[in-house]
Amino acid sequence: MAFASEPLFGQYNFSGQVSEDNKGKAIYLSLVEDYRKSSRIYLEQIIRKTLIDSLGHFQFEGNNLLNDNRVYRIHLDGCSDESDEKHFLGQCNSSKSVLFIANNKDTVEFPTSFEDEALCSITSTNPKSSAFLEINSLKEEMIFDFTDYRSETNRKLNSGKWFEKFQDFGVSLNEPLAELYIFDFLSDKRNETFDFYLKDISTKNYYSDLLKRLQTAYPNTSFTQQYEAEITTDKQLATFNKPMSWDWKWIVLALFLLSVGLNVYLLLSNRAKARSKTNTLLQKLTAQEQKIVHQIIQDKSNKEIATELFVSHSTIKTHINNLYKKLEVSSRQEIIALFKK
């Protein structure tokens, strides 16, 4: 389907067609920033609400969206107007929802399909808009492949094949938001793919490369930071799940590090004891005697100490004799040895 005119700069227009039976019902537009919340409706995601007209047509337009690509959802359900909570949770019968990529300049249409199904096809000025529909088709193929033969051997073979297929397809789309959608599916702890994901993340550079693509295309965004935190944690978790294998070189290294650590501890412990002993000795001395000890450690003569402290030579001799008695030493060298440890 071709568009009649180019969209105005900075103006988005999301419109579509559903069954006329939905006349007067509310339809919602959501912004999905958390890729772990793409599977159902969340109240905090909803940013616009409009009503379906008598012909089954709806439209969202304006200029208040982000200029960069983001993930959006249009959601319609069969809830009555009195049950708003169920609208947000998508619990009603005949609920319809579609995820797509767009930005503030895009014109996106959701025509009914040839089987008169609503929100199942996308025509857009943004070539990335329909990426999630293509990924969902791959998901269906994968699920069929897994359920057709449920043996453990088949599961392992299929896991490797499909992980590579999804990752290659995501890279080919040249849109990290689509790769996050794939990552959410493959790394979901509720899926059978999770165990293989832990093995995959510990051996492949794909996940680090995706982080670089996100940081380039969407720096400083919450979902880029969320992804970085998750793969960091999961890489650590993957190492815990690996069976332990003893290698003598690692044992020797561990013993060496233990020996170094012990020696450092003993050295620090001895220094701490020496400082404690020094402090105890200093407490026995008067303030003037402590000054004289300081001068002796600097290897100054009695005459130099007397000049420094403005006292007589004989007074210094008296102080030093008192120091010998208090410290239980008999020479200046022993004093230096006590306080230089």
C-alpha atoms as a PDB file:
ATOM      1  CA  MET A   1       0.000   0.000   0.000  1.00  0.00           C
ATOM      2  CA  ALA A   2       1.411   3.405  -0.967  1.00  0.00           C
ATOM      3  CA  PHE A   3       0.903   6.568   1.045  1.00  0.00           C
ATOM      4  CA  ALA A   4      -0.757   9.527  -0.624  1.00  0.00           C
ATOM      5  CA  SER A   5       1.674  12.055   0.810  1.00  0.00           C
ATOM      6  CA  GLU A   6       4.843  12.300   2.842  1.00  0.00           C
ATOM      7  CA  PRO A   7       4.331  12.826   6.598  1.00  0.00           C
ATOM      8  CA  LEU A   8       4.901  16.313   7.928  1.00  0.00           C
ATOM      9  CA  PHE A   9       8.253  16.835   9.641  1.00  0.00           C
ATOM     10  CA  GLY A  10       7.968  15.985  13.318  1.00  0.00           C
ATOM     11  CA  GLN A  11       4.424  14.617  12.961  1.00  0.00           C
ATOM     12  CA  TYR A  12       3.490  10.993  13.579  1.00  0.00           C
ATOM     13  CA  ASN A  13       0.336   9.344  12.310  1.00  0.00           C
ATOM     14  CA  PHE A  14      -0.615   5.831  13.419  1.00  0.00           C
ATOM     15  CA  SER A  15      -3.928   4.663  12.000  1.00  0.00           C
ATOM     16  CA  GLY A  16      -5.722   1.465  11.175  1.00  0.00           C
ATOM     17  CA  GLN A  17      -8.866  -0.479  10.529  1.00  0.00           C
ATOM     18  CA  VAL A  18     -10.641  -2.997  12.759  1.00  0.00           C
ATOM     19  CA  SER A  19     -14.066  -4.595  12.680  1.00  0.00           C
ATOM     20  CA  GLU A  20     -17.017  -2.181  12.716  1.00  0.00           C
ATOM     21  CA  ASP A  21     -18.308  -4.175  15.703  1.00  0.00           C
ATOM     22  CA  ASN A  22     -15.725  -2.249  17.772  1.00  0.00           C
ATOM     23  CA  LYS A  23     -17.436   1.087  17.089  1.00  0.00           C
ATOM     24  CA  GLY A  24     -17.052   3.440  20.074  1.00  0.00           C
ATOM     25  CA  LYS A  25     -14.591   1.222  21.911  1.00  0.00           C
ATOM     26  CA  ALA A  26     -11.323   2.549  23.301  1.00  0.00           C
ATOM     27  CA  ILE A  27      -7.992   1.674  21.708  1.00  0.00           C
ATOM     28  CA  TYR A  28      -4.669   2.423  23.387  1.00  0.00           C
ATOM     29  CA  LEU A  29      -1.162   3.487  22.336  1.00  0.00           C
ATOM     30  CA  SER A  30       1.699   2.445  24.642  1.00  0.00           C
ATOM     31  CA  LEU A  31       5.423   3.159  24.762  1.00  0.00           C
ATOM     32  CA  VAL A  32       7.397   0.039  25.767  1.00  0.00           C
ATOM     33  CA  GLU A  33      10.781   1.071  27.200  1.00  0.00           C
ATOM     34  CA  ASP A  34      11.331  -2.110  29.254  1.00  0.00           C
ATOM     35  CA  TYR A  35      11.829  -5.033  26.846  1.00  0.00           C
ATOM     36  CA  ARG A  36      10.942  -7.449  29.638  1.00  0.00           C
ATOM     37  CA  LYS A  37       7.447  -5.926  29.631  1.00  0.00           C
ATOM     38  CA  SER A  38       6.601  -6.519  25.987  1.00  0.00           C
ATOM     39  CA  SER A  39       4.399  -9.589  26.487  1.00  0.00           C
ATOM     40  CA  ARG A  40       1.339  -7.865  28.007  1.00  0.00           C
ATOM     41  CA  ILE A  41      -0.203  -4.497  28.798  1.00  0.00           C
ATOM     42  CA  TYR A  42       1.120  -2.393  31.675  1.00  0.00           C
ATOM     43  CA  LEU A  43      -0.671   0.677  32.994  1.00  0.00           C
ATOM     44  CA  GLU A  44       2.487   2.824  33.104  1.00  0.00           C
ATOM     45  CA  GLN A  45       3.168   2.157  29.393  1.00  0.00           C
ATOM     46  CA  ILE A  46      -0.048   3.707  28.054  1.00  0.00           C
ATOM     47  CA  ILE A  47       0.452   7.199  26.612  1.00  0.00           C
ATOM     48  CA  ARG A  48      -2.653   7.787  24.434  1.00  0.00           C
ATOM     49  CA  LYS A  49      -6.255   6.629  24.164  1.00  0.00           C
ATOM     50  CA  THR A  50      -8.722   7.179  21.345  1.00  0.00           C
ATOM     51  CA  LEU A  51     -12.093   5.793  20.191  1.00  0.00           C
ATOM     52  CA  ILE A  52     -12.868   3.678  17.148  1.00  0.00           C
ATOM     53  CA  ASP A  53     -15.278   5.405  14.759  1.00  0.00           C
ATOM     54  CA  SER A  54     -18.437   3.967  13.163  1.00  0.00           C
ATOM     55  CA  LEU A  55     -16.458   2.497  10.250  1.00  0.00           C
ATOM     56  CA  GLY A  56     -13.958   0.715  12.474  1.00  0.00           C
ATOM     57  CA  HIS A  57     -11.209   3.287  11.883  1.00  0.00           C
ATOM     58  CA  PHE A  58      -8.827   4.637  14.549  1.00  0.00           C
ATOM     59  CA  GLN A  59      -6.020   7.184  14.486  1.00  0.00           C
ATOM     60  CA  PHE A  60      -3.263   8.511  16.751  1.00  0.00           C
ATOM     61  CA  GLU A  61      -1.423  11.616  15.588  1.00  0.00           C
ATOM     62  CA  GLY A  62       0.696  14.415  17.011  1.00  0.00           C
ATOM     63  CA  ASN A  63       4.292  15.517  17.501  1.00  0.00           C
ATOM     64  CA  ASN A  64       5.006  14.491  21.097  1.00  0.00           C
ATOM     65  CA  LEU A  65       6.886  11.218  20.528  1.00  0.00           C
ATOM     66  CA  LEU A  66      10.645  10.694  20.580  1.00  0.00           C
ATOM     67  CA  ASN A  67      12.591  11.414  17.400  1.00  0.00           C
ATOM     68  CA  ASP A  68      14.573   8.171  17.769  1.00  0.00           C
ATOM     69  CA  ASN A  69      13.047   4.770  17.130  1.00  0.00           C
ATOM     70  CA  ARG A  70      11.216   3.201  20.044  1.00  0.00           C
ATOM     71  CA  VAL A  71       8.916   0.228  20.614  1.00  0.00           C
ATOM     72  CA  TYR A  72       5.194   1.047  20.641  1.00  0.00           C
ATOM     73  CA  ARG A  73       2.085  -1.050  21.114  1.00  0.00           C
ATOM     74  CA  ILE A  74      -1.480  -0.540  19.907  1.00  0.00           C
ATOM     75  CA  HIS A  75      -3.964  -2.477  21.986  1.00  0.00           C
ATOM     76  CA  LEU A  76      -7.672  -3.199  21.570  1.00  0.00           C
ATOM     77  CA  ASP A  77      -9.810  -5.516  23.682  1.00  0.00           C
ATOM     78  CA  GLY A  78     -13.417  -6.498  24.237  1.00  0.00           C
ATOM     79  CA  CYS A  79     -13.718  -5.189  27.780  1.00  0.00           C
ATOM     80  CA  SER A  80     -16.707  -3.137  28.823  1.00  0.00           C
ATOM     81  CA  ASP A  81     -16.073   0.509  29.661  1.00  0.00           C
ATOM     82  CA  GLU A  82     -16.644  -0.199  33.368  1.00  0.00           C
ATOM     83  CA  SER A  83     -13.671  -2.561  33.683  1.00  0.00           C
ATOM     84  CA  ASP A  84     -10.711  -0.246  32.981  1.00  0.00           C
ATOM     85  CA  GLU A  85      -8.298  -2.387  34.966  1.00  0.00           C
ATOM     86  CA  LYS A  86      -8.823  -5.321  32.614  1.00  0.00           C
ATOM     87  CA  HIS A  87      -8.212  -3.036  29.649  1.00  0.00           C
ATOM     88  CA  PHE A  88      -4.698  -2.409  30.895  1.00  0.00           C
ATOM     89  CA  LEU A  89      -4.038  -6.053  31.711  1.00  0.00           C
ATOM     90  CA  GLY A  90      -5.407  -7.317  28.408  1.00  0.00           C
ATOM     91  CA  GLN A  91      -7.549  -9.963  30.095  1.00  0.00           C
ATOM     92  CA  CYS A  92     -10.721  -9.556  28.065  1.00  0.00           C
ATOM     93  CA  ASN A  93     -11.970 -11.775  25.266  1.00  0.00           C
ATOM     94  CA  SER A  94     -11.052 -10.874  21.682  1.00  0.00           C
ATOM     95  CA  SER A  95      -8.051  -8.800  22.776  1.00  0.00           C
ATOM     96  CA  LYS A  96      -5.827  -7.579  19.942  1.00  0.00           C
ATOM     97  CA  SER A  97      -2.350  -6.164  20.306  1.00  0.00           C
ATOM     98  CA  VAL A  98       0.547  -5.307  17.993  1.00  0.00           C
ATOM     99  CA  LEU A  99       4.115  -4.224  18.754  1.00  0.00           C
ATOM    100  CA  PHE A 100       5.941  -2.049  16.243  1.00  0.00           C
ATOM    101  CA  ILE A 101       8.917   0.270  15.897  1.00  0.00           C
ATOM    102  CA  ALA A 102       8.368   3.930  15.073  1.00  0.00           C
ATOM    103  CA  ASN A 103       9.417   7.501  15.807  1.00  0.00           C
ATOM    104  CA  ASN A 104       7.893  10.964  15.834  1.00  0.00           C
ATOM    105  CA  LYS A 105       8.109  11.374  12.025  1.00  0.00           C
ATOM    106  CA  ASP A 106       6.504   8.078  10.977  1.00  0.00           C
ATOM    107  CA  THR A 107       3.241   7.301   9.297  1.00  0.00           C
ATOM    108  CA  VAL A 108       2.169   3.763  10.158  1.00  0.00           C
ATOM    109  CA  GLU A 109      -1.005   1.997   9.016  1.00  0.00           C
ATOM    110  CA  PHE A 110      -2.551  -1.231  10.287  1.00  0.00           C
ATOM    111  CA  PRO A 111      -4.921  -2.457   7.569  1.00  0.00           C
ATOM    112  CA  THR A 112      -7.061  -5.543   8.029  1.00  0.00           C
ATOM    113  CA  SER A 113      -5.556  -8.644   6.448  1.00  0.00           C
ATOM    114  CA  PHE A 114      -7.087 -10.659   3.618  1.00  0.00           C
ATOM    115  CA  GLU A 115      -8.791 -12.796   6.307  1.00  0.00           C
ATOM    116  CA  ASP A 116     -10.271  -9.643   7.852  1.00  0.00           C
ATOM    117  CA  GLU A 117      -7.907  -9.948  10.830  1.00  0.00           C
ATOM    118  CA  ALA A 118      -7.038  -6.694  12.615  1.00  0.00           C
ATOM    119  CA  LEU A 119      -3.594  -5.516  13.822  1.00  0.00           C
ATOM    120  CA  CYS A 120      -1.831  -8.336  11.972  1.00  0.00           C
ATOM    121  CA  SER A 121      -0.121  -6.375   9.203  1.00  0.00           C
ATOM    122  CA  ILE A 122       1.810  -3.110   9.011  1.00  0.00           C
ATOM    123  CA  THR A 123       2.534  -0.574   6.269  1.00  0.00           C
ATOM    124  CA  SER A 124       4.953   2.147   7.325  1.00  0.00           C
ATOM    125  CA  THR A 125       7.345   4.878   6.245  1.00  0.00           C
ATOM    126  CA  ASN A 126       9.757   3.272   8.717  1.00  0.00           C
ATOM    127  CA  PRO A 127      11.281   0.051   7.287  1.00  0.00           C
ATOM    128  CA  LYS A 128      11.860  -1.244  10.846  1.00  0.00           C
ATOM    129  CA  SER A 129       8.198  -1.040  11.925  1.00  0.00           C
ATOM    130  CA  SER A 130       7.237  -4.615  11.025  1.00  0.00           C
ATOM    131  CA  ALA A 131      10.356  -6.283  12.497  1.00  0.00           C
ATOM    132  CA  PHE A 132       8.448  -7.785  15.415  1.00  0.00           C
ATOM    133  CA  LEU A 133       5.874  -9.414  13.112  1.00  0.00           C
ATOM    134  CA  GLU A 134       8.716 -11.070  11.207  1.00  0.00           C
ATOM    135  CA  ILE A 135      10.329 -12.227  14.460  1.00  0.00           C
ATOM    136  CA  ASN A 136       6.998 -13.642  15.657  1.00  0.00           C
ATOM    137  CA  SER A 137       6.809 -15.721  12.475  1.00  0.00           C
ATOM    138  CA  LEU A 138      10.237 -17.159  13.296  1.00  0.00           C
ATOM    139  CA  LYS A 139       9.059 -17.915  16.831  1.00  0.00           C
ATOM    140  CA  GLU A 140       6.172 -19.964  15.474  1.00  0.00           C
ATOM    141  CA  GLU A 141       8.538 -21.967  13.270  1.00  0.00           C
ATOM    142  CA  MET A 142      10.824 -22.595  16.228  1.00  0.00           C
ATOM    143  CA  ILE A 143       7.999 -23.709  18.521  1.00  0.00           C
ATOM    144  CA  PHE A 144       6.773 -26.139  15.879  1.00  0.00           C
ATOM    145  CA  ASP A 145      10.294 -27.481  15.445  1.00  0.00           C
ATOM    146  CA  PHE A 146      10.620 -28.090  19.190  1.00  0.00           C
ATOM    147  CA  THR A 147       7.190 -29.651  19.711  1.00  0.00           C
ATOM    148  CA  ASP A 148       7.391 -31.915  16.683  1.00  0.00           C
ATOM    149  CA  TYR A 149      10.140 -34.022  18.303  1.00  0.00           C
ATOM    150  CA  ARG A 150      10.418 -33.554  22.047  1.00  0.00           C
ATOM    151  CA  SER A 151      13.470 -35.716  22.716  1.00  0.00           C
ATOM    152  CA  GLU A 152      16.424 -34.289  24.634  1.00  0.00           C
ATOM    153  CA  THR A 153      18.723 -34.830  21.665  1.00  0.00           C
ATOM    154  CA  ASN A 154      16.383 -32.920  19.360  1.00  0.00           C
ATOM    155  CA  ARG A 155      16.075 -30.090  21.883  1.00  0.00           C
ATOM    156  CA  LYS A 156      19.860 -29.631  22.079  1.00  0.00           C
ATOM    157  CA  LEU A 157      20.293 -29.729  18.306  1.00  0.00           C
ATOM    158  CA  ASN A 158      17.422 -27.323  17.741  1.00  0.00           C
ATOM    159  CA  SER A 159      18.615 -24.892  20.412  1.00  0.00           C
ATOM    160  CA  GLY A 160      21.954 -24.324  18.691  1.00  0.00           C
ATOM    161  CA  LYS A 161      20.337 -24.005  15.276  1.00  0.00           C
ATOM    162  CA  TRP A 162      17.631 -21.578  16.335  1.00  0.00           C
ATOM    163  CA  PHE A 163      19.817 -19.394  18.518  1.00  0.00           C
ATOM    164  CA  GLU A 164      22.131 -18.830  15.569  1.00  0.00           C
ATOM    165  CA  LYS A 165      19.193 -18.280  13.217  1.00  0.00           C
ATOM    166  CA  PHE A 166      17.552 -15.698  15.478  1.00  0.00           C
ATOM    167  CA  GLN A 167      20.803 -13.872  16.154  1.00  0.00           C
ATOM    168  CA  ASP A 168      21.751 -13.705  12.473  1.00  0.00           C
ATOM    169  CA  PHE A 169      18.274 -12.482  11.584  1.00  0.00           C
ATOM    170  CA  GLY A 170      18.400  -9.820  14.309  1.00  0.00           C
ATOM    171  CA  VAL A 171      21.745  -8.515  13.037  1.00  0.00           C
ATOM    172  CA  SER A 172      20.407  -8.425   9.464  1.00  0.00           C
ATOM    173  CA  LEU A 173      17.567  -6.133  10.571  1.00  0.00           C
ATOM    174  CA  ASN A 174      20.124  -3.501  11.591  1.00  0.00           C
ATOM    175  CA  GLU A 175      17.919  -2.472  14.521  1.00  0.00           C
ATOM    176  CA  PRO A 176      19.087  -3.230  18.095  1.00  0.00           C
ATOM    177  CA  LEU A 177      15.518  -2.790  19.394  1.00  0.00           C
ATOM    178  CA  ALA A 178      14.512  -5.847  17.371  1.00  0.00           C
ATOM    179  CA  GLU A 179      17.515  -7.748  18.754  1.00  0.00           C
ATOM    180  CA  LEU A 180      16.382  -6.903  22.283  1.00  0.00           C
ATOM    181  CA  TYR A 181      12.994  -8.412  21.460  1.00  0.00           C
ATOM    182  CA  ILE A 182      14.761 -11.604  20.354  1.00  0.00           C
ATOM    183  CA  PHE A 183      16.999 -11.530  23.438  1.00  0.00           C
ATOM    184  CA  ASP A 184      13.946 -11.238  25.693  1.00  0.00           C
ATOM    185  CA  PHE A 185      12.504 -14.397  24.136  1.00  0.00           C
ATOM    186  CA  LEU A 186      15.657 -16.550  24.097  1.00  0.00           C
ATOM    187  CA  SER A 187      16.838 -15.561  27.593  1.00  0.00           C
ATOM    188  CA  ASP A 188      13.434 -15.833  29.297  1.00  0.00           C
ATOM    189  CA  LYS A 189      13.849 -18.028  32.395  1.00  0.00           C
ATOM    190  CA  ARG A 190      10.388 -19.479  31.752  1.00  0.00           C
ATOM    191  CA  ASN A 191      11.371 -20.844  28.345  1.00  0.00           C
ATOM    192  CA  GLU A 192      13.137 -24.074  27.484  1.00  0.00           C
ATOM    193  CA  THR A 193      15.759 -21.939  25.768  1.00  0.00           C
ATOM    194  CA  PHE A 194      17.147 -20.543  29.034  1.00  0.00           C
ATOM    195  CA  ASP A 195      19.590 -23.369  29.821  1.00  0.00           C
ATOM    196  CA  PHE A 196      21.075 -23.163  26.341  1.00  0.00           C
ATOM    197  CA  TYR A 197      21.212 -19.365  26.637  1.00  0.00           C
ATOM    198  CA  LEU A 198      23.484 -19.665  29.688  1.00  0.00           C
ATOM    199  CA  LYS A 199      25.862 -21.865  27.681  1.00  0.00           C
ATOM    200  CA  ASP A 200      25.639 -19.554  24.678  1.00  0.00           C
ATOM    201  CA  ILE A 201      26.416 -16.358  26.585  1.00  0.00           C
ATOM    202  CA  SER A 202      29.592 -17.847  28.044  1.00  0.00           C
ATOM    203  CA  THR A 203      31.032 -18.797  24.630  1.00  0.00           C
ATOM    204  CA  LYS A 204      29.787 -16.216  22.107  1.00  0.00           C
ATOM    205  CA  ASN A 205      30.769 -12.613  21.457  1.00  0.00           C
ATOM    206  CA  TYR A 206      27.291 -11.907  20.074  1.00  0.00           C
ATOM    207  CA  TYR A 207      25.972 -10.539  23.378  1.00  0.00           C
ATOM    208  CA  SER A 208      28.889  -8.132  23.889  1.00  0.00           C
ATOM    209  CA  ASP A 209      28.595  -7.034  20.272  1.00  0.00           C
ATOM    210  CA  LEU A 210      24.884  -6.326  20.746  1.00  0.00           C
ATOM    211  CA  LEU A 211      25.739  -4.172  23.751  1.00  0.00           C
ATOM    212  CA  LYS A 212      28.104  -2.125  21.565  1.00  0.00           C
ATOM    213  CA  ARG A 213      25.359  -1.696  18.948  1.00  0.00           C
ATOM    214  CA  LEU A 214      22.925  -0.529  21.632  1.00  0.00           C
ATOM    215  CA  GLN A 215      25.442   1.898  23.118  1.00  0.00           C
ATOM    216  CA  THR A 216      26.055   3.348  19.658  1.00  0.00           C
ATOM    217  CA  ALA A 217      22.410   3.629  18.573  1.00  0.00           C
ATOM    218  CA  TYR A 218      20.751   4.234  21.960  1.00  0.00           C
ATOM    219  CA  PRO A 219      23.336   5.560  24.460  1.00  0.00           C
ATOM    220  CA  ASN A 220      22.293   6.407  28.019  1.00  0.00           C
ATOM    221  CA  THR A 221      18.853   4.808  27.655  1.00  0.00           C
ATOM    222  CA  SER A 222      17.252   2.709  30.379  1.00  0.00           C
ATOM    223  CA  PHE A 223      16.951  -0.383  28.170  1.00  0.00           C
ATOM    224  CA  THR A 224      20.633  -0.265  27.143  1.00  0.00           C
ATOM    225  CA  GLN A 225      21.658  -0.041  30.802  1.00  0.00           C
ATOM    226  CA  GLN A 226      19.190  -2.813  31.669  1.00  0.00           C
ATOM    227  CA  TYR A 227      20.649  -5.093  28.997  1.00  0.00           C
ATOM    228  CA  GLU A 228      24.226  -4.428  30.133  1.00  0.00           C
ATOM    229  CA  ALA A 229      23.315  -5.285  33.740  1.00  0.00           C
ATOM    230  CA  GLU A 230      21.530  -8.474  32.694  1.00  0.00           C
ATOM    231  CA  ILE A 231      24.265  -9.946  30.528  1.00  0.00           C
ATOM    232  CA  THR A 232      26.886  -9.095  33.174  1.00  0.00           C
ATOM    233  CA  THR A 233      24.873 -11.003  35.767  1.00  0.00           C
ATOM    234  CA  ASP A 234      24.064 -13.894  33.429  1.00  0.00           C
ATOM    235  CA  LYS A 235      27.704 -14.329  32.398  1.00  0.00           C
ATOM    236  CA  GLN A 236      28.578 -14.731  36.073  1.00  0.00           C
ATOM    237  CA  LEU A 237      25.678 -17.151  36.533  1.00  0.00           C
ATOM    238  CA  ALA A 238      26.915 -19.171  33.546  1.00  0.00           C
ATOM    239  CA  THR A 239      30.336 -19.609  35.167  1.00  0.00           C
ATOM    240  CA  PHE A 240      28.705 -20.939  38.352  1.00  0.00           C
ATOM    241  CA  ASN A 241      26.864 -23.558  36.321  1.00  0.00           C
ATOM    242  CA  LYS A 242      30.049 -24.910  34.730  1.00  0.00           C
ATOM    243  CA  PRO A 243      31.396 -28.176  36.199  1.00  0.00           C
ATOM    244  CA  MET A 244      34.605 -27.648  38.163  1.00  0.00           C
ATOM    245  CA  SER A 245      37.769 -29.092  36.652  1.00  0.00           C
ATOM    246  CA  TRP A 246      40.983 -29.026  38.667  1.00  0.00           C
ATOM    247  CA  ASP A 247      44.131 -27.844  36.906  1.00  0.00           C
ATOM    248  CA  TRP A 248      47.465 -28.040  38.742  1.00  0.00           C
ATOM    249  CA  LYS A 249      48.633 -24.673  37.418  1.00  0.00           C
ATOM    250  CA  TRP A 250      45.597 -23.016  38.977  1.00  0.00           C
ATOM    251  CA  ILE A 251      46.172 -24.858  42.255  1.00  0.00           C
ATOM    252  CA  VAL A 252      49.809 -23.706  42.311  1.00  0.00           C
ATOM    253  CA  LEU A 253      48.693 -20.149  41.509  1.00  0.00           C
ATOM    254  CA  ALA A 254      46.113 -20.291  44.291  1.00  0.00           C
ATOM    255  CA  LEU A 255      48.724 -21.503  46.801  1.00  0.00           C
ATOM    256  CA  PHE A 256      51.145 -18.783  45.677  1.00  0.00           C
ATOM    257  CA  LEU A 257      48.499 -16.100  46.122  1.00  0.00           C
ATOM    258  CA  LEU A 258      47.608 -17.552  49.516  1.00  0.00           C
ATOM    259  CA  SER A 259      51.297 -17.430  50.544  1.00  0.00           C
ATOM    260  CA  VAL A 260      51.650 -13.833  49.371  1.00  0.00           C
ATOM    261  CA  GLY A 261      48.488 -12.886  51.198  1.00  0.00           C
ATOM    262  CA  LEU A 262      49.694 -14.518  54.410  1.00  0.00           C
ATOM    263  CA  ASN A 263      53.083 -12.754  54.233  1.00  0.00           C
ATOM    264  CA  VAL A 264      51.408  -9.406  53.644  1.00  0.00           C
ATOM    265  CA  TYR A 265      49.110 -10.050  56.598  1.00  0.00           C
ATOM    266  CA  LEU A 266      52.043 -10.926  58.882  1.00  0.00           C
ATOM    267  CA  LEU A 267      53.988  -7.866  57.733  1.00  0.00           C
ATOM    268  CA  LEU A 268      51.070  -5.552  58.382  1.00  0.00           C
ATOM    269  CA  SER A 269      50.361  -7.269  61.692  1.00  0.00           C
ATOM    270  CA  ASN A 270      53.986  -6.832  62.848  1.00  0.00           C
ATOM    271  CA  ARG A 271      53.956  -3.197  61.811  1.00  0.00           C
ATOM    272  CA  ALA A 272      50.737  -2.651  63.731  1.00  0.00           C
ATOM    273  CA  LYS A 273      52.286  -4.254  66.838  1.00  0.00           C
ATOM    274  CA  ALA A 274      55.415  -2.096  66.458  1.00  0.00           C
ATOM    275  CA  ARG A 275      53.294   1.050  66.191  1.00  0.00           C
ATOM    276  CA  SER A 276      51.352   0.009  69.270  1.00  0.00           C
ATOM    277  CA  LYS A 277      54.574  -0.580  71.216  1.00  0.00           C
ATOM    278  CA  THR A 278      55.979   2.778  70.069  1.00  0.00           C
ATOM    279  CA  ASN A 279      52.826   4.576  71.176  1.00  0.00           C
ATOM    280  CA  THR A 280      53.017   2.862  74.560  1.00  0.00           C
ATOM    281  CA  LEU A 281      56.654   3.945  75.007  1.00  0.00           C
ATOM    282  CA  LEU A 282      55.869   7.523  73.982  1.00  0.00           C
ATOM    283  CA  GLN A 283      53.119   7.714  76.582  1.00  0.00           C
ATOM    284  CA  LYS A 284      55.777   7.168  79.274  1.00  0.00           C
ATOM    285  CA  LEU A 285      57.629  10.314  78.175  1.00  0.00           C
ATOM    286  CA  THR A 286      56.974  13.965  78.821  1.00  0.00           C
ATOM    287  CA  ALA A 287      56.313  16.297  75.897  1.00  0.00           C
ATOM    288  CA  GLN A 288      59.912  17.639  76.100  1.00  0.00           C
ATOM    289  CA  GLU A 289      61.341  14.133  76.184  1.00  0.00           C
ATOM    290  CA  GLN A 290      59.303  13.195  73.110  1.00  0.00           C
ATOM    291  CA  LYS A 291      60.799  16.181  71.278  1.00  0.00           C
ATOM    292  CA  ILE A 292      64.310  15.047  72.253  1.00  0.00           C
ATOM    293  CA  VAL A 293      63.555  11.510  70.996  1.00  0.00           C
ATOM    294  CA  HIS A 294      62.494  13.015  67.697  1.00  0.00           C
ATOM    295  CA  GLN A 295      65.795  14.941  67.478  1.00  0.00           C
ATOM    296  CA  ILE A 296      67.822  11.827  68.373  1.00  0.00           C
ATOM    297  CA  ILE A 297      66.097   9.855  65.602  1.00  0.00           C
ATOM    298  CA  GLN A 298      67.249  12.602  63.210  1.00  0.00           C
ATOM    299  CA  ASP A 299      70.805  11.860  64.457  1.00  0.00           C
ATOM    300  CA  LYS A 300      71.385  15.306  65.982  1.00  0.00           C
ATOM    301  CA  SER A 301      74.044  15.912  68.631  1.00  0.00           C
ATOM    302  CA  ASN A 302      73.286  17.108  72.178  1.00  0.00           C
ATOM    303  CA  LYS A 303      74.491  20.590  71.251  1.00  0.00           C
ATOM    304  CA  GLU A 304      72.222  20.720  68.186  1.00  0.00           C
ATOM    305  CA  ILE A 305      69.259  19.524  70.254  1.00  0.00           C
ATOM    306  CA  ALA A 306      69.917  22.172  72.919  1.00  0.00           C
ATOM    307  CA  THR A 307      70.002  24.895  70.259  1.00  0.00           C
ATOM    308  CA  GLU A 308      66.797  23.562  68.639  1.00  0.00           C
ATOM    309  CA  LEU A 309      64.881  23.478  71.945  1.00  0.00           C
ATOM    310  CA  PHE A 310      66.428  26.651  73.415  1.00  0.00           C
ATOM    311  CA  VAL A 311      67.775  24.942  76.550  1.00  0.00           C
ATOM    312  CA  SER A 312      71.232  24.377  77.995  1.00  0.00           C
ATOM    313  CA  HIS A 313      73.567  21.557  77.039  1.00  0.00           C
ATOM    314  CA  SER A 314      73.424  20.146  80.604  1.00  0.00           C
ATOM    315  CA  THR A 315      69.607  20.094  80.538  1.00  0.00           C
ATOM    316  CA  ILE A 316      69.701  17.929  77.428  1.00  0.00           C
ATOM    317  CA  LYS A 317      72.117  15.527  79.103  1.00  0.00           C
ATOM    318  CA  THR A 318      69.754  15.232  82.067  1.00  0.00           C
ATOM    319  CA  HIS A 319      66.755  14.536  79.799  1.00  0.00           C
ATOM    320  CA  ILE A 320      68.689  11.871  77.896  1.00  0.00           C
ATOM    321  CA  ASN A 321      69.722  10.120  81.138  1.00  0.00           C
ATOM    322  CA  ASN A 322      66.037  10.075  82.147  1.00  0.00           C
ATOM    323  CA  LEU A 323      65.170   8.643  78.712  1.00  0.00           C
ATOM    324  CA  TYR A 324      67.652   5.798  79.196  1.00  0.00           C
ATOM    325  CA  LYS A 325      65.962   4.858  82.495  1.00  0.00           C
ATOM    326  CA  LYS A 326      62.345   5.114  81.219  1.00  0.00           C
ATOM    327  CA  LEU A 327      63.042   3.251  78.003  1.00  0.00           C
ATOM    328  CA  GLU A 328      65.435   0.758  79.620  1.00  0.00           C
ATOM    329  CA  VAL A 329      68.214   1.401  77.089  1.00  0.00           C
ATOM    330  CA  SER A 330      71.858   2.414  77.410  1.00  0.00           C
ATOM    331  CA  SER A 331      72.626   4.254  74.151  1.00  0.00           C
ATOM    332  CA  ARG A 332      71.266   6.621  71.540  1.00  0.00           C
ATOM    333  CA  GLN A 333      71.431   3.812  68.969  1.00  0.00           C
ATOM    334  CA  GLU A 334      69.006   1.741  71.043  1.00  0.00           C
ATOM    335  CA  ILE A 335      66.589   4.677  71.184  1.00  0.00           C
ATOM    336  CA  ILE A 336      66.778   5.026  67.416  1.00  0.00           C
ATOM    337  CA  ALA A 337      66.191   1.273  67.034  1.00  0.00           C
ATOM    338  CA  LEU A 338      63.106   1.431  69.295  1.00  0.00           C
ATOM    339  CA  PHE A 339      61.331   4.202  67.409  1.00  0.00           C
ATOM    340  CA  LYS A 340      62.374   3.481  63.833  1.00  0.00           C
ATOM    341  CA  LYS A 341      60.649   0.086  63.602  1.00  0.00           C
END
